[in-house]
Amino acid sequence: MAQVTLNVNGRRYSISCHDGQEDHLLGLSKYINQKIDELKSSMGQVSEAHLLLMTSLLLADELHEAYIQIDDGKSGTGKKNSIDDEVEAEKVATALESCADRLESIAARLESQ
């Protein structure tokens, strides 16, 4: 296993990863930092927990849109029916709630350090 140190929002995190994945993780952390910087400029001063939550929601939304485009490409219709939309919305809501809970837990640990 390899070790890589990521810098996210000015904090350093040592992460274990598979050998050869270091550059990929560094690229992901760079992308995350870009999103954080975008939010900082539009939201002003907010807590780190709030900033990380908003960044996670933004990235989850991008992922959700990518899944929709993939699904649309597979079906060839460009539209999903309302039942699929409801199921997808439930899945996304559950995933976002889980992300928010995890982020709040991480933020609480970070703030207590």
N, C-alpha and C. Protein backbone atom coordinates (compact mmCIF):
# COMPACT_ATOMS: atom_id res chain seq x y z
N MET A 1 0.84 -1.18 0.00
CA MET A 1 0.00 0.00 0.00
C MET A 1 0.89 1.25 0.00
N ALA A 2 0.43 2.23 -0.74
CA ALA A 2 1.15 3.49 -0.82
C ALA A 2 0.52 4.50 0.13
N GLN A 3 1.23 5.54 0.42
CA GLN A 3 0.75 6.66 1.24
C GLN A 3 0.83 7.92 0.40
N VAL A 4 -0.18 8.76 0.51
CA VAL A 4 -0.16 10.04 -0.18
C VAL A 4 -0.73 11.07 0.80
N THR A 5 -0.15 12.25 0.77
CA THR A 5 -0.64 13.34 1.62
C THR A 5 -1.42 14.31 0.74
N LEU A 6 -2.68 14.48 1.08
CA LEU A 6 -3.56 15.38 0.34
C LEU A 6 -3.74 16.66 1.12
N ASN A 7 -3.82 17.76 0.42
CA ASN A 7 -4.09 19.05 1.03
C ASN A 7 -5.47 19.48 0.56
N VAL A 8 -6.42 19.53 1.50
CA VAL A 8 -7.80 19.92 1.18
C VAL A 8 -8.17 21.08 2.09
N ASN A 9 -8.48 22.19 1.47
CA ASN A 9 -8.86 23.41 2.19
C ASN A 9 -7.82 23.80 3.23
N GLY A 10 -6.55 23.65 2.85
CA GLY A 10 -5.47 24.07 3.73
C GLY A 10 -5.10 23.07 4.82
N ARG A 11 -5.75 21.94 4.85
CA ARG A 11 -5.43 20.90 5.83
C ARG A 11 -4.79 19.71 5.12
N ARG A 12 -3.84 19.09 5.81
CA ARG A 12 -3.13 17.95 5.24
C ARG A 12 -3.74 16.66 5.79
N TYR A 13 -3.93 15.69 4.88
CA TYR A 13 -4.49 14.39 5.25
C TYR A 13 -3.62 13.31 4.63
N SER A 14 -3.13 12.38 5.46
CA SER A 14 -2.38 11.23 4.95
C SER A 14 -3.37 10.11 4.66
N ILE A 15 -3.32 9.63 3.43
CA ILE A 15 -4.27 8.63 2.96
C ILE A 15 -3.51 7.43 2.43
N SER A 16 -3.97 6.24 2.78
CA SER A 16 -3.42 5.01 2.19
C SER A 16 -4.18 4.72 0.90
N CYS A 17 -3.46 4.21 -0.07
CA CYS A 17 -4.09 3.87 -1.34
C CYS A 17 -3.31 2.74 -2.00
N HIS A 18 -3.87 2.18 -3.04
CA HIS A 18 -3.17 1.16 -3.80
C HIS A 18 -1.98 1.79 -4.51
N ASP A 19 -0.93 1.03 -4.67
CA ASP A 19 0.24 1.52 -5.40
C ASP A 19 -0.19 2.00 -6.78
N GLY A 20 0.32 3.14 -7.17
CA GLY A 20 0.01 3.69 -8.48
C GLY A 20 -1.20 4.62 -8.50
N GLN A 21 -1.93 4.71 -7.40
CA GLN A 21 -3.12 5.56 -7.34
C GLN A 21 -2.85 6.95 -6.77
N GLU A 22 -1.60 7.20 -6.39
CA GLU A 22 -1.25 8.46 -5.75
C GLU A 22 -1.61 9.68 -6.61
N ASP A 23 -1.22 9.65 -7.88
CA ASP A 23 -1.49 10.78 -8.77
C ASP A 23 -2.99 10.99 -8.97
N HIS A 24 -3.72 9.90 -9.04
CA HIS A 24 -5.18 10.00 -9.19
C HIS A 24 -5.79 10.71 -7.98
N LEU A 25 -5.38 10.31 -6.79
CA LEU A 25 -5.90 10.95 -5.57
C LEU A 25 -5.49 12.42 -5.49
N LEU A 26 -4.27 12.72 -5.88
CA LEU A 26 -3.83 14.12 -5.89
C LEU A 26 -4.68 14.94 -6.86
N GLY A 27 -5.01 14.36 -8.00
CA GLY A 27 -5.87 15.05 -8.97
C GLY A 27 -7.27 15.27 -8.41
N LEU A 28 -7.80 14.27 -7.72
CA LEU A 28 -9.12 14.41 -7.11
C LEU A 28 -9.12 15.51 -6.04
N SER A 29 -8.07 15.54 -5.23
CA SER A 29 -8.01 16.56 -4.19
C SER A 29 -7.88 17.95 -4.81
N LYS A 30 -7.20 18.05 -5.93
CA LYS A 30 -7.09 19.34 -6.64
C LYS A 30 -8.47 19.78 -7.13
N TYR A 31 -9.24 18.85 -7.67
CA TYR A 31 -10.59 19.15 -8.14
C TYR A 31 -11.48 19.58 -6.98
N ILE A 32 -11.38 18.88 -5.86
CA ILE A 32 -12.15 19.24 -4.67
C ILE A 32 -11.79 20.65 -4.21
N ASN A 33 -10.50 20.96 -4.19
CA ASN A 33 -10.07 22.30 -3.79
C ASN A 33 -10.60 23.37 -4.73
N GLN A 34 -10.68 23.07 -6.03
CA GLN A 34 -11.25 24.03 -6.97
C GLN A 34 -12.71 24.32 -6.62
N LYS A 35 -13.46 23.27 -6.30
CA LYS A 35 -14.87 23.44 -5.94
C LYS A 35 -14.98 24.22 -4.63
N ILE A 36 -14.12 23.92 -3.67
CA ILE A 36 -14.12 24.65 -2.40
C ILE A 36 -13.86 26.13 -2.65
N ASP A 37 -12.86 26.42 -3.49
CA ASP A 37 -12.53 27.82 -3.79
C ASP A 37 -13.69 28.54 -4.46
N GLU A 38 -14.38 27.85 -5.38
CA GLU A 38 -15.55 28.44 -6.03
C GLU A 38 -16.62 28.79 -5.00
N LEU A 39 -16.87 27.87 -4.09
CA LEU A 39 -17.89 28.11 -3.07
C LEU A 39 -17.47 29.22 -2.11
N LYS A 40 -16.21 29.25 -1.75
CA LYS A 40 -15.73 30.31 -0.85
C LYS A 40 -15.98 31.68 -1.46
N SER A 41 -15.72 31.80 -2.76
CA SER A 41 -15.89 33.11 -3.40
C SER A 41 -17.36 33.49 -3.53
N SER A 42 -18.24 32.51 -3.63
CA SER A 42 -19.66 32.83 -3.79
C SER A 42 -20.41 32.90 -2.45
N MET A 43 -19.94 32.18 -1.44
CA MET A 43 -20.66 32.11 -0.17
C MET A 43 -20.09 33.04 0.89
N GLY A 44 -18.87 33.47 0.72
CA GLY A 44 -18.26 34.28 1.76
C GLY A 44 -17.77 33.41 2.89
N GLN A 45 -17.70 33.99 4.07
CA GLN A 45 -17.16 33.29 5.24
C GLN A 45 -18.20 32.35 5.84
N VAL A 46 -17.91 31.06 5.84
CA VAL A 46 -18.75 30.05 6.48
C VAL A 46 -17.84 29.08 7.22
N SER A 47 -18.43 28.28 8.09
CA SER A 47 -17.62 27.30 8.83
C SER A 47 -17.07 26.25 7.87
N GLU A 48 -16.01 25.62 8.31
CA GLU A 48 -15.40 24.57 7.49
C GLU A 48 -16.39 23.43 7.28
N ALA A 49 -17.14 23.08 8.29
CA ALA A 49 -18.13 22.00 8.16
C ALA A 49 -19.15 22.35 7.09
N HIS A 50 -19.65 23.58 7.12
CA HIS A 50 -20.64 24.03 6.14
C HIS A 50 -20.02 24.01 4.74
N LEU A 51 -18.80 24.47 4.62
CA LEU A 51 -18.11 24.51 3.34
C LEU A 51 -17.92 23.10 2.78
N LEU A 52 -17.50 22.17 3.61
CA LEU A 52 -17.30 20.80 3.16
C LEU A 52 -18.62 20.14 2.78
N LEU A 53 -19.68 20.43 3.53
CA LEU A 53 -21.00 19.90 3.20
C LEU A 53 -21.45 20.44 1.84
N MET A 54 -21.34 21.74 1.63
CA MET A 54 -21.76 22.33 0.37
C MET A 54 -20.93 21.79 -0.79
N THR A 55 -19.64 21.60 -0.59
CA THR A 55 -18.79 21.04 -1.63
C THR A 55 -19.22 19.61 -1.95
N SER A 56 -19.52 18.82 -0.93
CA SER A 56 -19.97 17.45 -1.14
C SER A 56 -21.29 17.42 -1.90
N LEU A 57 -22.19 18.31 -1.56
CA LEU A 57 -23.47 18.38 -2.27
C LEU A 57 -23.26 18.76 -3.73
N LEU A 58 -22.37 19.69 -3.98
CA LEU A 58 -22.07 20.10 -5.34
C LEU A 58 -21.50 18.94 -6.14
N LEU A 59 -20.56 18.21 -5.56
CA LEU A 59 -19.96 17.07 -6.25
C LEU A 59 -20.98 15.94 -6.44
N ALA A 60 -21.83 15.72 -5.44
CA ALA A 60 -22.87 14.70 -5.57
C ALA A 60 -23.84 15.07 -6.69
N ASP A 61 -24.16 16.35 -6.81
CA ASP A 61 -25.04 16.81 -7.87
C ASP A 61 -24.40 16.57 -9.24
N GLU A 62 -23.11 16.85 -9.36
CA GLU A 62 -22.41 16.59 -10.62
C GLU A 62 -22.45 15.10 -10.96
N LEU A 63 -22.25 14.27 -9.96
CA LEU A 63 -22.29 12.82 -10.17
C LEU A 63 -23.69 12.39 -10.59
N HIS A 64 -24.68 12.93 -9.93
CA HIS A 64 -26.08 12.61 -10.25
C HIS A 64 -26.39 12.97 -11.70
N GLU A 65 -25.98 14.15 -12.12
CA GLU A 65 -26.20 14.58 -13.51
C GLU A 65 -25.48 13.66 -14.49
N ALA A 66 -24.29 13.21 -14.13
CA ALA A 66 -23.55 12.29 -14.99
C ALA A 66 -24.29 10.96 -15.12
N TYR A 67 -24.84 10.46 -14.01
CA TYR A 67 -25.62 9.22 -14.06
C TYR A 67 -26.85 9.38 -14.96
N ILE A 68 -27.51 10.51 -14.86
CA ILE A 68 -28.68 10.75 -15.70
C ILE A 68 -28.28 10.75 -17.18
N GLN A 69 -27.17 11.41 -17.50
CA GLN A 69 -26.72 11.43 -18.89
C GLN A 69 -26.38 10.04 -19.38
N ILE A 70 -25.76 9.23 -18.52
CA ILE A 70 -25.44 7.85 -18.90
C ILE A 70 -26.72 7.07 -19.13
N ASP A 71 -27.68 7.20 -18.20
CA ASP A 71 -28.96 6.50 -18.35
C ASP A 71 -29.69 6.94 -19.61
N ASP A 72 -29.67 8.24 -19.88
CA ASP A 72 -30.33 8.76 -21.08
C ASP A 72 -29.66 8.21 -22.34
N GLY A 73 -28.35 8.11 -22.30
CA GLY A 73 -27.63 7.56 -23.44
C GLY A 73 -27.95 6.10 -23.68
N LYS A 74 -28.12 5.35 -22.60
CA LYS A 74 -28.45 3.92 -22.72
C LYS A 74 -29.86 3.72 -23.26
N SER A 75 -30.80 4.57 -22.78
CA SER A 75 -32.19 4.41 -23.20
C SER A 75 -32.45 5.05 -24.55
N GLY A 76 -31.63 6.05 -24.89
CA GLY A 76 -31.80 6.72 -26.16
C GLY A 76 -32.96 7.68 -26.21
N THR A 77 -33.64 7.87 -25.09
CA THR A 77 -34.82 8.73 -25.11
C THR A 77 -34.52 10.15 -24.70
N GLY A 78 -33.54 10.31 -23.85
CA GLY A 78 -33.25 11.65 -23.34
C GLY A 78 -34.17 12.04 -22.21
N LYS A 79 -35.18 11.21 -21.89
CA LYS A 79 -36.11 11.48 -20.80
C LYS A 79 -36.32 10.21 -20.00
N LYS A 80 -36.57 10.38 -18.72
CA LYS A 80 -36.88 9.25 -17.85
C LYS A 80 -38.33 9.37 -17.44
N ASN A 81 -38.97 8.25 -17.16
CA ASN A 81 -40.36 8.36 -16.72
C ASN A 81 -40.42 8.78 -15.26
N SER A 82 -41.59 9.17 -14.81
CA SER A 82 -41.71 9.75 -13.48
C SER A 82 -41.39 8.76 -12.36
N ILE A 83 -41.66 7.48 -12.56
CA ILE A 83 -41.33 6.48 -11.54
C ILE A 83 -39.82 6.38 -11.39
N ASP A 84 -39.11 6.33 -12.51
CA ASP A 84 -37.65 6.31 -12.45
C ASP A 84 -37.11 7.56 -11.78
N ASP A 85 -37.72 8.71 -12.08
CA ASP A 85 -37.30 9.97 -11.46
C ASP A 85 -37.47 9.92 -9.95
N GLU A 86 -38.60 9.38 -9.50
CA GLU A 86 -38.86 9.31 -8.06
C GLU A 86 -37.87 8.36 -7.38
N VAL A 87 -37.62 7.23 -7.98
CA VAL A 87 -36.69 6.26 -7.41
C VAL A 87 -35.29 6.87 -7.36
N GLU A 88 -34.90 7.52 -8.46
CA GLU A 88 -33.58 8.16 -8.52
C GLU A 88 -33.48 9.26 -7.48
N ALA A 89 -34.52 10.06 -7.34
CA ALA A 89 -34.52 11.15 -6.37
C ALA A 89 -34.38 10.60 -4.95
N GLU A 90 -35.04 9.49 -4.66
CA GLU A 90 -34.93 8.87 -3.34
C GLU A 90 -33.50 8.38 -3.09
N LYS A 91 -32.91 7.75 -4.09
CA LYS A 91 -31.54 7.26 -3.95
C LYS A 91 -30.58 8.42 -3.71
N VAL A 92 -30.74 9.48 -4.46
CA VAL A 92 -29.87 10.64 -4.32
C VAL A 92 -30.06 11.28 -2.95
N ALA A 93 -31.32 11.42 -2.52
CA ALA A 93 -31.59 12.02 -1.21
C ALA A 93 -30.95 11.20 -0.10
N THR A 94 -31.07 9.89 -0.18
CA THR A 94 -30.47 9.01 0.83
C THR A 94 -28.95 9.14 0.82
N ALA A 95 -28.36 9.15 -0.37
CA ALA A 95 -26.91 9.29 -0.48
C ALA A 95 -26.45 10.63 0.06
N LEU A 96 -27.18 11.69 -0.24
CA LEU A 96 -26.81 13.02 0.23
C LEU A 96 -26.94 13.13 1.75
N GLU A 97 -27.99 12.52 2.31
CA GLU A 97 -28.14 12.52 3.76
C GLU A 97 -26.99 11.79 4.42
N SER A 98 -26.59 10.68 3.83
CA SER A 98 -25.47 9.91 4.38
C SER A 98 -24.18 10.72 4.30
N CYS A 99 -23.96 11.39 3.16
CA CYS A 99 -22.78 12.24 3.01
C CYS A 99 -22.79 13.37 4.03
N ALA A 100 -23.95 13.98 4.21
CA ALA A 100 -24.07 15.09 5.16
C ALA A 100 -23.76 14.62 6.57
N ASP A 101 -24.28 13.46 6.95
CA ASP A 101 -24.00 12.92 8.28
C ASP A 101 -22.51 12.66 8.47
N ARG A 102 -21.88 12.05 7.46
CA ARG A 102 -20.45 11.77 7.56
C ARG A 102 -19.64 13.06 7.63
N LEU A 103 -20.02 14.04 6.82
CA LEU A 103 -19.30 15.32 6.83
C LEU A 103 -19.44 16.03 8.17
N GLU A 104 -20.63 16.00 8.73
CA GLU A 104 -20.82 16.63 10.03
C GLU A 104 -19.97 15.95 11.08
N SER A 105 -19.87 14.63 11.02
CA SER A 105 -19.04 13.89 11.96
C SER A 105 -17.56 14.25 11.78
N ILE A 106 -17.11 14.31 10.54
CA ILE A 106 -15.71 14.68 10.25
C ILE A 106 -15.46 16.10 10.72
N ALA A 107 -16.37 17.00 10.40
CA ALA A 107 -16.19 18.40 10.79
C ALA A 107 -16.12 18.55 12.30
N ALA A 108 -16.95 17.81 13.01
CA ALA A 108 -16.94 17.87 14.48
C ALA A 108 -15.60 17.40 15.02
N ARG A 109 -15.07 16.32 14.43
CA ARG A 109 -13.76 15.83 14.87
C ARG A 109 -12.66 16.84 14.55
N LEU A 110 -12.74 17.46 13.38
CA LEU A 110 -11.74 18.45 13.00
C LEU A 110 -11.79 19.67 13.92
N GLU A 111 -12.98 20.12 14.25
CA GLU A 111 -13.13 21.30 15.10
C GLU A 111 -12.69 21.03 16.52
N SER A 112 -12.74 19.76 16.95
CA SER A 112 -12.33 19.44 18.32
C SER A 112 -10.82 19.27 18.44
N GLN A 113 -10.12 19.26 17.31
CA GLN A 113 -8.65 19.07 17.35
C GLN A 113 -7.97 20.37 17.63
